[in-house]
Amino acid sequence: MASMTAASLRGALAKHREKAAYGRLPQDLRRQAESYTQERVSTGATTAAIAVELAVSEATVRGWAGGRGRAAPVAPQASGVSAPVAMVPLMVRPGPEPGAGARLEISFPDGTTVQVVGMAGRDLVQALTALRGAR
């Protein structure tokens, strides 16, 4: 069977879901999805990348990948965290001792708390922007 492209397989999956939102895929479409997934896994693609390519859940892709051969690696996630956070290099430079009143605590909606002592406002904004990355 010839290998499908991500776009054609995504289209076929979407077309099937328009007809039947739930339930099993037809055997031929499932075989094509499993074949595509196995091919991508063998080239080093993660389940998350394949899920994005095909517009399906990671759990679905893990099922297709686990059907034959090895499954793609899955990064463990801490409870309450919806997506992995990329690490950003941070340079720490020695500076003057902060005064007793130069203290700031920031709480983000996801529960993350940052405590800052002795950092200028502009430097703090630049550091937080770098840590959050482009979204």
N, C-alpha and C. Protein backbone atom coordinates (compact mmCIF):
# COMPACT_ATOMS: atom_id res chain seq x y z
N MET A 1 0.85 -1.19 0.00
CA MET A 1 0.00 0.00 0.00
C MET A 1 0.89 1.24 0.00
N ALA A 2 0.60 2.18 -0.84
CA ALA A 2 1.38 3.41 -0.90
C ALA A 2 1.13 4.25 0.34
N SER A 3 2.17 4.89 0.78
CA SER A 3 2.07 5.72 1.98
C SER A 3 1.30 7.01 1.67
N MET A 4 0.39 7.37 2.57
CA MET A 4 -0.37 8.60 2.40
C MET A 4 0.42 9.78 2.95
N THR A 5 0.15 10.96 2.44
CA THR A 5 0.74 12.16 3.02
C THR A 5 -0.09 12.56 4.23
N ALA A 6 0.50 13.38 5.10
CA ALA A 6 -0.22 13.83 6.30
C ALA A 6 -1.50 14.56 5.91
N ALA A 7 -1.43 15.41 4.89
CA ALA A 7 -2.60 16.19 4.49
C ALA A 7 -3.74 15.30 3.97
N SER A 8 -3.39 14.32 3.15
CA SER A 8 -4.45 13.46 2.61
C SER A 8 -5.05 12.57 3.70
N LEU A 9 -4.21 12.07 4.62
CA LEU A 9 -4.72 11.25 5.71
C LEU A 9 -5.57 12.10 6.67
N ARG A 10 -5.10 13.31 6.98
CA ARG A 10 -5.88 14.21 7.83
C ARG A 10 -7.24 14.49 7.20
N GLY A 11 -7.26 14.71 5.89
CA GLY A 11 -8.51 14.96 5.19
C GLY A 11 -9.45 13.76 5.24
N ALA A 12 -8.88 12.56 5.04
CA ALA A 12 -9.70 11.34 5.09
C ALA A 12 -10.27 11.13 6.50
N LEU A 13 -9.46 11.38 7.51
CA LEU A 13 -9.93 11.25 8.90
C LEU A 13 -11.03 12.26 9.21
N ALA A 14 -10.84 13.49 8.76
CA ALA A 14 -11.85 14.53 8.99
C ALA A 14 -13.15 14.21 8.27
N LYS A 15 -13.03 13.71 7.05
CA LYS A 15 -14.23 13.35 6.27
C LYS A 15 -15.01 12.24 6.97
N HIS A 16 -14.28 11.26 7.51
CA HIS A 16 -14.96 10.18 8.23
C HIS A 16 -15.65 10.72 9.49
N ARG A 17 -14.99 11.62 10.21
CA ARG A 17 -15.56 12.17 11.45
C ARG A 17 -16.77 13.05 11.17
N GLU A 18 -16.88 13.60 9.96
CA GLU A 18 -18.09 14.36 9.61
C GLU A 18 -19.29 13.43 9.55
N LYS A 19 -19.06 12.20 9.09
CA LYS A 19 -20.14 11.23 8.97
C LYS A 19 -20.45 10.57 10.31
N ALA A 20 -19.40 10.21 11.05
CA ALA A 20 -19.56 9.52 12.33
C ALA A 20 -18.58 10.12 13.33
N ALA A 21 -19.10 10.93 14.24
CA ALA A 21 -18.23 11.61 15.21
C ALA A 21 -17.59 10.63 16.19
N TYR A 22 -18.25 9.51 16.45
CA TYR A 22 -17.73 8.53 17.41
C TYR A 22 -17.65 7.17 16.76
N GLY A 23 -16.96 6.27 17.43
CA GLY A 23 -16.89 4.90 16.94
C GLY A 23 -15.59 4.61 16.22
N ARG A 24 -15.49 3.38 15.78
CA ARG A 24 -14.26 2.91 15.14
C ARG A 24 -14.13 3.44 13.71
N LEU A 25 -12.88 3.54 13.29
CA LEU A 25 -12.60 3.90 11.91
C LEU A 25 -12.80 2.66 11.04
N PRO A 26 -13.11 2.85 9.77
CA PRO A 26 -13.14 1.71 8.86
C PRO A 26 -11.76 1.05 8.84
N GLN A 27 -11.71 -0.27 8.62
CA GLN A 27 -10.46 -1.00 8.68
C GLN A 27 -9.38 -0.44 7.78
N ASP A 28 -9.73 -0.10 6.54
CA ASP A 28 -8.71 0.40 5.61
C ASP A 28 -8.15 1.75 6.06
N LEU A 29 -9.00 2.63 6.58
CA LEU A 29 -8.53 3.93 7.05
C LEU A 29 -7.67 3.76 8.30
N ARG A 30 -8.06 2.86 9.19
CA ARG A 30 -7.25 2.60 10.38
C ARG A 30 -5.87 2.04 9.98
N ARG A 31 -5.84 1.11 9.03
CA ARG A 31 -4.55 0.55 8.58
C ARG A 31 -3.67 1.64 7.99
N GLN A 32 -4.27 2.56 7.23
CA GLN A 32 -3.50 3.66 6.65
C GLN A 32 -2.94 4.56 7.75
N ALA A 33 -3.76 4.84 8.77
CA ALA A 33 -3.32 5.68 9.88
C ALA A 33 -2.21 5.00 10.67
N GLU A 34 -2.36 3.70 10.92
CA GLU A 34 -1.32 2.96 11.63
C GLU A 34 -0.03 2.91 10.83
N SER A 35 -0.14 2.69 9.53
CA SER A 35 1.03 2.64 8.66
C SER A 35 1.75 3.98 8.66
N TYR A 36 0.99 5.06 8.50
CA TYR A 36 1.57 6.41 8.51
C TYR A 36 2.27 6.67 9.85
N THR A 37 1.59 6.33 10.94
CA THR A 37 2.14 6.57 12.27
C THR A 37 3.43 5.78 12.47
N GLN A 38 3.42 4.51 12.10
CA GLN A 38 4.62 3.69 12.25
C GLN A 38 5.78 4.24 11.42
N GLU A 39 5.47 4.70 10.23
CA GLU A 39 6.50 5.28 9.36
C GLU A 39 7.10 6.53 10.02
N ARG A 40 6.24 7.39 10.55
CA ARG A 40 6.72 8.62 11.20
C ARG A 40 7.49 8.31 12.48
N VAL A 41 7.03 7.32 13.26
CA VAL A 41 7.73 6.94 14.49
C VAL A 41 9.12 6.42 14.15
N SER A 42 9.23 5.65 13.07
CA SER A 42 10.54 5.09 12.68
C SER A 42 11.52 6.18 12.27
N THR A 43 11.01 7.36 11.86
CA THR A 43 11.90 8.46 11.50
C THR A 43 12.18 9.38 12.69
N GLY A 44 11.61 9.02 13.87
CA GLY A 44 11.91 9.79 15.08
C GLY A 44 10.84 10.80 15.49
N ALA A 45 9.71 10.82 14.83
CA ALA A 45 8.65 11.77 15.18
C ALA A 45 8.01 11.37 16.51
N THR A 46 7.59 12.35 17.29
CA THR A 46 6.92 12.08 18.56
C THR A 46 5.42 11.95 18.33
N THR A 47 4.74 11.37 19.31
CA THR A 47 3.29 11.23 19.20
C THR A 47 2.63 12.61 19.13
N ALA A 48 3.18 13.59 19.83
CA ALA A 48 2.61 14.94 19.81
C ALA A 48 2.69 15.53 18.41
N ALA A 49 3.83 15.37 17.74
CA ALA A 49 4.00 15.92 16.39
C ALA A 49 3.04 15.24 15.41
N ILE A 50 2.92 13.93 15.52
CA ILE A 50 2.03 13.19 14.62
C ILE A 50 0.58 13.59 14.87
N ALA A 51 0.22 13.76 16.14
CA ALA A 51 -1.15 14.17 16.48
C ALA A 51 -1.49 15.52 15.86
N VAL A 52 -0.54 16.45 15.89
CA VAL A 52 -0.77 17.77 15.28
C VAL A 52 -0.92 17.62 13.77
N GLU A 53 -0.05 16.81 13.16
CA GLU A 53 -0.12 16.62 11.70
C GLU A 53 -1.47 16.07 11.25
N LEU A 54 -2.03 15.16 12.05
CA LEU A 54 -3.27 14.48 11.65
C LEU A 54 -4.52 15.07 12.29
N ALA A 55 -4.35 16.05 13.17
CA ALA A 55 -5.48 16.69 13.86
C ALA A 55 -6.29 15.68 14.67
N VAL A 56 -5.57 14.81 15.39
CA VAL A 56 -6.20 13.84 16.29
C VAL A 56 -5.52 13.94 17.64
N SER A 57 -6.03 13.22 18.63
CA SER A 57 -5.44 13.28 19.96
C SER A 57 -4.17 12.43 20.03
N GLU A 58 -3.31 12.78 21.00
CA GLU A 58 -2.10 11.99 21.21
C GLU A 58 -2.44 10.55 21.61
N ALA A 59 -3.52 10.38 22.37
CA ALA A 59 -3.92 9.03 22.78
C ALA A 59 -4.25 8.17 21.56
N THR A 60 -4.90 8.76 20.58
CA THR A 60 -5.22 8.04 19.35
C THR A 60 -3.93 7.63 18.64
N VAL A 61 -2.98 8.55 18.54
CA VAL A 61 -1.72 8.26 17.87
C VAL A 61 -0.94 7.19 18.63
N ARG A 62 -0.95 7.25 19.96
CA ARG A 62 -0.27 6.22 20.75
C ARG A 62 -0.88 4.85 20.48
N GLY A 63 -2.19 4.79 20.32
CA GLY A 63 -2.85 3.54 19.99
C GLY A 63 -2.39 3.01 18.63
N TRP A 64 -2.30 3.90 17.65
CA TRP A 64 -1.85 3.49 16.33
C TRP A 64 -0.38 3.09 16.37
N ALA A 65 0.43 3.79 17.13
CA ALA A 65 1.86 3.49 17.20
C ALA A 65 2.10 2.19 17.95
N GLY A 66 1.30 1.92 18.98
CA GLY A 66 1.48 0.71 19.78
C GLY A 66 0.95 -0.53 19.10
N GLY A 67 0.19 -0.38 18.04
CA GLY A 67 -0.38 -1.53 17.34
C GLY A 67 0.68 -2.42 16.73
N ARG A 68 1.71 -1.82 16.19
CA ARG A 68 2.82 -2.57 15.57
C ARG A 68 4.11 -1.86 15.89
N GLY A 69 5.03 -2.56 16.51
CA GLY A 69 6.35 -1.98 16.77
C GLY A 69 6.38 -1.12 18.00
N ARG A 70 7.37 -0.27 18.06
CA ARG A 70 7.58 0.55 19.26
C ARG A 70 6.75 1.83 19.19
N ALA A 71 6.35 2.29 20.35
CA ALA A 71 5.57 3.53 20.42
C ALA A 71 6.51 4.71 20.50
N ALA A 72 6.02 5.86 20.08
CA ALA A 72 6.82 7.09 20.17
C ALA A 72 6.96 7.48 21.63
N PRO A 73 8.10 8.09 22.00
CA PRO A 73 8.29 8.49 23.39
C PRO A 73 7.28 9.55 23.80
N VAL A 74 6.81 9.45 25.01
CA VAL A 74 5.84 10.39 25.55
C VAL A 74 6.46 11.04 26.77
N ALA A 75 6.51 12.37 26.79
CA ALA A 75 7.09 13.10 27.92
C ALA A 75 6.11 13.09 29.08
N PRO A 76 6.57 12.77 30.31
CA PRO A 76 5.67 12.81 31.45
C PRO A 76 5.28 14.25 31.76
N GLN A 77 4.04 14.43 32.20
CA GLN A 77 3.56 15.77 32.53
C GLN A 77 3.15 15.81 33.98
N ALA A 78 3.51 16.90 34.63
CA ALA A 78 3.10 17.10 36.02
C ALA A 78 1.61 17.39 36.05
N SER A 79 0.97 17.05 37.16
CA SER A 79 -0.46 17.27 37.25
C SER A 79 -0.77 18.76 37.19
N GLY A 80 -1.81 19.11 36.46
CA GLY A 80 -2.22 20.50 36.34
C GLY A 80 -1.50 21.26 35.24
N VAL A 81 -0.50 20.66 34.59
CA VAL A 81 0.24 21.33 33.53
C VAL A 81 -0.30 20.82 32.20
N SER A 82 -0.72 21.74 31.34
CA SER A 82 -1.33 21.33 30.10
C SER A 82 -0.33 21.12 28.97
N ALA A 83 0.83 21.74 29.03
CA ALA A 83 1.81 21.58 27.96
C ALA A 83 3.21 21.72 28.53
N PRO A 84 4.18 21.04 27.92
CA PRO A 84 5.55 21.17 28.40
C PRO A 84 6.06 22.60 28.21
N VAL A 85 6.95 23.03 29.08
CA VAL A 85 7.50 24.37 29.03
C VAL A 85 8.95 24.26 28.60
N ALA A 86 9.33 25.02 27.59
CA ALA A 86 10.70 24.99 27.10
C ALA A 86 11.61 25.72 28.09
N MET A 87 12.80 25.19 28.26
CA MET A 87 13.77 25.82 29.15
C MET A 87 14.48 26.94 28.39
N VAL A 88 14.73 28.04 29.06
CA VAL A 88 15.40 29.19 28.47
C VAL A 88 16.66 29.45 29.27
N PRO A 89 17.81 29.64 28.60
CA PRO A 89 19.03 29.94 29.36
C PRO A 89 18.88 31.27 30.09
N LEU A 90 19.40 31.31 31.29
CA LEU A 90 19.30 32.51 32.11
C LEU A 90 20.68 32.80 32.67
N MET A 91 21.15 34.05 32.52
CA MET A 91 22.45 34.43 33.04
C MET A 91 22.24 35.21 34.34
N VAL A 92 22.93 34.79 35.38
CA VAL A 92 22.82 35.47 36.67
C VAL A 92 24.11 36.23 36.88
N ARG A 93 23.98 37.52 37.14
CA ARG A 93 25.15 38.37 37.37
C ARG A 93 25.12 38.90 38.79
N PRO A 94 26.28 39.00 39.41
CA PRO A 94 26.30 39.58 40.76
C PRO A 94 25.94 41.07 40.67
N GLY A 95 25.27 41.54 41.67
CA GLY A 95 24.87 42.94 41.70
C GLY A 95 24.91 43.47 43.12
N PRO A 96 24.49 44.71 43.30
CA PRO A 96 24.48 45.29 44.64
C PRO A 96 23.45 44.58 45.53
N GLU A 97 23.71 44.57 46.82
CA GLU A 97 22.76 43.99 47.78
C GLU A 97 21.46 44.77 47.73
N PRO A 98 20.35 44.10 47.63
CA PRO A 98 19.07 44.80 47.58
C PRO A 98 18.70 45.37 48.94
N GLY A 99 17.90 46.41 48.89
CA GLY A 99 17.41 47.00 50.12
C GLY A 99 16.26 46.16 50.67
N ALA A 100 15.90 46.38 51.90
CA ALA A 100 14.87 45.59 52.56
C ALA A 100 13.51 45.75 51.86
N GLY A 101 13.23 46.91 51.27
CA GLY A 101 11.92 47.15 50.66
C GLY A 101 11.83 46.72 49.21
N ALA A 102 12.92 46.30 48.55
CA ALA A 102 12.90 45.95 47.13
C ALA A 102 12.57 44.47 46.95
N ARG A 103 11.32 44.11 47.19
CA ARG A 103 10.89 42.71 47.11
C ARG A 103 9.56 42.67 46.36
N LEU A 104 9.43 41.67 45.48
CA LEU A 104 8.22 41.55 44.67
C LEU A 104 7.87 40.08 44.53
N GLU A 105 6.58 39.77 44.63
CA GLU A 105 6.10 38.40 44.41
C GLU A 105 5.02 38.45 43.35
N ILE A 106 5.16 37.60 42.32
CA ILE A 106 4.20 37.56 41.22
C ILE A 106 3.57 36.18 41.19
N SER A 107 2.24 36.12 41.12
CA SER A 107 1.52 34.85 41.01
C SER A 107 0.80 34.83 39.67
N PHE A 108 1.06 33.79 38.87
CA PHE A 108 0.43 33.63 37.57
C PHE A 108 -0.83 32.79 37.71
N PRO A 109 -1.76 32.90 36.75
CA PRO A 109 -3.02 32.15 36.82
C PRO A 109 -2.84 30.62 36.90
N ASP A 110 -1.72 30.09 36.38
CA ASP A 110 -1.53 28.65 36.42
C ASP A 110 -0.94 28.17 37.74
N GLY A 111 -0.77 29.10 38.71
CA GLY A 111 -0.28 28.72 40.03
C GLY A 111 1.21 28.95 40.22
N THR A 112 1.92 29.31 39.16
CA THR A 112 3.35 29.59 39.26
C THR A 112 3.55 30.88 40.05
N THR A 113 4.51 30.85 40.97
CA THR A 113 4.83 32.04 41.76
C THR A 113 6.29 32.38 41.55
N VAL A 114 6.58 33.66 41.33
CA VAL A 114 7.94 34.14 41.15
C VAL A 114 8.20 35.18 42.24
N GLN A 115 9.30 35.00 42.98
CA GLN A 115 9.71 35.98 43.98
C GLN A 115 10.95 36.68 43.47
N VAL A 116 10.91 38.00 43.46
CA VAL A 116 12.02 38.79 42.95
C VAL A 116 12.51 39.72 44.04
N VAL A 117 13.83 39.74 44.19
CA VAL A 117 14.44 40.63 45.18
C VAL A 117 15.54 41.40 44.48
N GLY A 118 15.46 42.73 44.52
CA GLY A 118 16.54 43.58 44.02
C GLY A 118 16.70 43.62 42.51
N MET A 119 15.65 43.48 41.76
CA MET A 119 15.74 43.54 40.31
C MET A 119 14.92 44.73 39.82
N ALA A 120 15.47 45.49 38.91
CA ALA A 120 14.77 46.65 38.37
C ALA A 120 13.57 46.18 37.55
N GLY A 121 12.56 47.02 37.47
CA GLY A 121 11.33 46.68 36.77
C GLY A 121 11.56 46.27 35.32
N ARG A 122 12.36 47.04 34.58
CA ARG A 122 12.62 46.73 33.18
C ARG A 122 13.33 45.38 33.04
N ASP A 123 14.31 45.11 33.91
CA ASP A 123 15.02 43.83 33.87
C ASP A 123 14.07 42.68 34.17
N LEU A 124 13.15 42.88 35.11
CA LEU A 124 12.18 41.85 35.45
C LEU A 124 11.28 41.53 34.26
N VAL A 125 10.79 42.56 33.59
CA VAL A 125 9.93 42.36 32.43
C VAL A 125 10.67 41.60 31.34
N GLN A 126 11.93 41.95 31.07
CA GLN A 126 12.72 41.26 30.06
C GLN A 126 12.95 39.81 30.43
N ALA A 127 13.24 39.54 31.71
CA ALA A 127 13.47 38.17 32.16
C ALA A 127 12.20 37.33 32.04
N LEU A 128 11.05 37.87 32.45
CA LEU A 128 9.80 37.15 32.34
C LEU A 128 9.41 36.90 30.88
N THR A 129 9.64 37.88 30.04
CA THR A 129 9.34 37.73 28.61
C THR A 129 10.20 36.62 28.01
N ALA A 130 11.48 36.57 28.36
CA ALA A 130 12.37 35.53 27.87
C ALA A 130 11.95 34.16 28.38
N LEU A 131 11.55 34.08 29.64
CA LEU A 131 11.15 32.80 30.23
C LEU A 131 9.86 32.28 29.61
N ARG A 132 8.92 33.15 29.34
CA ARG A 132 7.64 32.73 28.77
C ARG A 132 7.77 32.37 27.29
N GLY A 133 8.73 32.99 26.59
CA GLY A 133 8.95 32.68 25.18
C GLY A 133 7.85 33.24 24.32
N ALA A 134 8.01 33.10 23.04
CA ALA A 134 6.99 33.59 22.10
C ALA A 134 5.81 32.63 22.11
N ARG A 135 4.62 33.14 22.27
CA ARG A 135 3.40 32.31 22.30
C ARG A 135 2.47 32.75 21.22
